[in-house]
Structure formats: C-alpha cells, structure tokens
Amino acid sequence: MRDTRPISWVKAARKDFERFPEKVQGQGLAALTVAAEGGKTDNAKALHGLGSGVFEIVLDDRAGTFRVVYAVQLGDDLWVVHAFQKKSKKGRKTPQPEIDLIRDRLKRLKEMLR
C-alpha cells in the first residue's frame, strides 16, 4: 500500500480549479494524486525561483492551457497554492503576476503552518 499524503488547498486555488473544464479537473486531480503518492507525472515540472519542492502541472485542453501549482515541502500535506488558465501567448513561461501571487500565497501559508 502506498503512503499517500493528504492534499490541501488554498481556498482561492480550489475555487479557481473548480472553474476548469471537467476533463481538465480530472487530469489535474490524477496528477496531484501521483504527487501525493511521492511521484511526478510527465506534465509536472519544478517551478524555479520559488524554493525547492514547488511544482507546476501543465494541462492542455481545447479550451486552453491550465496550470496547477503545488508545494510538497510545507508540513505533512501536499498544498495546492494556485490554479489558473494561462492566457499569455508569449511562450511557455509562467507570467510574472502569477509568480508574484504564488510567492505571496506560499509566504502566508508558511506563516500559517508554523
């Protein structure tokens, strides 16, 4: 039996995730489950510049590209800190306003978990 960590959500991230198309939500939850079991799917990559243990899942759909950002080194849970639809057409890079929001949520979450 696998040792699966609980998946916890920043409230705003959960709300945004629930607006994703149903198919995209299913793919996102499957990737989060793999992460909670200690693995990493092909569509997940480390999100550099935010500290170790922060990853981004990229979900492509006809409706667009969606991203789910999670942290594995905050307490005992896997924390989903942000979910958004990428609208920028300027390459694959995560837009700076999204990075700033993720950084802020990680900081507040770390303070809350102390």
Protein backbone atom coordinates (compact mmCIF):
# COMPACT_ATOMS: atom_id res chain seq x y z
CA MET A 1 0.00 0.00 0.00
CA ARG A 2 1.28 3.45 -0.91
CA ASP A 3 1.78 6.19 1.64
CA THR A 4 -0.40 8.96 0.25
CA ARG A 5 -0.14 12.45 1.71
CA PRO A 6 -3.32 14.46 2.20
CA ILE A 7 -3.96 17.11 -0.46
CA SER A 8 -4.87 20.51 0.99
CA TRP A 9 -5.95 23.57 -0.93
CA VAL A 10 -5.61 27.31 -0.54
CA LYS A 11 -9.29 28.29 -0.73
CA ALA A 12 -8.88 30.63 -3.73
CA ALA A 13 -6.92 27.96 -5.64
CA ARG A 14 -9.72 25.43 -5.10
CA LYS A 15 -12.31 27.92 -6.32
CA ASP A 16 -10.29 28.65 -9.47
CA PHE A 17 -9.64 24.94 -10.09
CA GLU A 18 -13.37 24.20 -9.92
CA ARG A 19 -13.89 26.60 -12.85
CA PHE A 20 -11.66 24.46 -15.11
CA PRO A 21 -13.39 22.19 -17.64
CA GLU A 22 -14.38 18.85 -16.09
CA LYS A 23 -11.87 16.87 -18.20
CA VAL A 24 -9.03 19.20 -17.13
CA GLN A 25 -10.05 18.87 -13.48
CA GLY A 26 -9.85 15.09 -13.79
CA GLN A 27 -6.37 15.25 -15.31
CA GLY A 28 -5.27 17.70 -12.61
CA LEU A 29 -6.58 15.55 -9.77
CA ALA A 30 -4.89 12.47 -11.24
CA ALA A 31 -1.54 14.31 -11.39
CA LEU A 32 -2.00 15.61 -7.82
CA THR A 33 -2.73 12.08 -6.62
CA VAL A 34 0.52 10.83 -8.18
CA ALA A 35 2.35 13.70 -6.45
CA ALA A 36 0.67 12.88 -3.13
CA GLU A 37 1.98 9.33 -3.52
CA GLY A 38 5.51 10.65 -3.96
CA GLY A 39 5.70 10.56 -7.76
CA LYS A 40 5.64 13.11 -10.55
CA THR A 41 3.74 12.96 -13.83
CA ASP A 42 5.21 13.95 -17.21
CA ASN A 43 3.16 17.15 -17.22
CA ALA A 44 4.59 18.34 -13.87
CA LYS A 45 7.80 20.34 -13.61
CA ALA A 46 9.69 22.15 -10.90
CA LEU A 47 8.78 25.83 -10.72
CA HIS A 48 12.16 27.52 -10.28
CA GLY A 49 12.72 30.64 -8.22
CA LEU A 50 10.17 29.79 -5.53
CA GLY A 51 12.23 27.41 -3.41
CA SER A 52 12.56 23.67 -3.64
CA GLY A 53 9.50 21.49 -3.62
CA VAL A 54 7.24 23.78 -5.70
CA PHE A 55 5.86 22.22 -8.87
CA GLU A 56 3.56 23.21 -11.70
CA ILE A 57 1.24 20.87 -13.57
CA VAL A 58 0.52 21.94 -17.17
CA LEU A 59 -2.85 20.81 -18.52
CA ASP A 60 -3.65 21.38 -22.19
CA ASP A 61 -7.21 21.30 -23.50
CA ARG A 62 -9.19 22.66 -26.43
CA ALA A 63 -10.37 25.37 -24.03
CA GLY A 64 -6.78 26.48 -23.40
CA THR A 65 -3.80 25.79 -21.17
CA PHE A 66 -4.37 25.42 -17.44
CA ARG A 67 -1.84 25.31 -14.62
CA VAL A 68 -1.94 23.94 -11.08
CA VAL A 69 0.85 24.88 -8.67
CA TYR A 70 1.55 22.77 -5.61
CA ALA A 71 4.13 22.58 -2.83
CA VAL A 72 5.35 19.34 -1.28
CA GLN A 73 7.58 20.70 1.49
CA LEU A 74 5.01 22.50 3.63
CA GLY A 75 4.02 20.44 6.63
CA ASP A 76 2.67 16.93 6.16
CA ASP A 77 0.27 17.76 3.32
CA LEU A 78 0.71 18.44 -0.35
CA TRP A 79 -0.56 22.02 -0.73
CA VAL A 80 -2.22 23.34 -3.89
CA VAL A 81 -1.44 27.06 -3.80
CA HIS A 82 -2.68 28.30 -7.18
CA ALA A 83 -4.70 27.24 -10.23
CA PHE A 84 -5.13 29.39 -13.31
CA GLN A 85 -5.66 29.44 -17.04
CA LYS A 86 -2.60 30.67 -18.88
CA LYS A 87 -3.68 33.35 -21.31
CA SER A 88 -0.33 34.79 -22.36
CA LYS A 89 0.76 33.94 -25.88
CA LYS A 90 4.39 34.84 -25.10
CA GLY A 91 5.90 31.39 -24.80
CA ARG A 92 5.60 28.85 -22.02
CA LYS A 93 6.95 30.95 -19.20
CA THR A 94 4.61 31.49 -16.25
CA PRO A 95 3.55 35.17 -16.26
CA GLN A 96 5.16 37.35 -13.57
CA PRO A 97 1.85 38.38 -11.90
CA GLU A 98 1.09 34.66 -11.39
CA ILE A 99 4.59 34.09 -9.93
CA ASP A 100 4.08 37.02 -7.55
CA LEU A 101 0.71 35.63 -6.41
CA ILE A 102 2.22 32.15 -5.88
CA ARG A 103 5.13 33.64 -3.90
CA ASP A 104 2.70 35.59 -1.69
CA ARG A 105 0.48 32.56 -1.05
CA LEU A 106 3.49 30.38 -0.20
CA LYS A 107 4.73 33.01 2.28
CA ARG A 108 1.34 33.28 4.01
CA LEU A 109 0.93 29.50 4.08
CA LYS A 110 4.37 29.00 5.66
CA GLU A 111 3.48 31.56 8.35
CA MET A 112 0.15 29.86 9.00
CA LEU A 113 1.74 26.41 9.33
CA ARG A 114 4.37 27.45 11.88
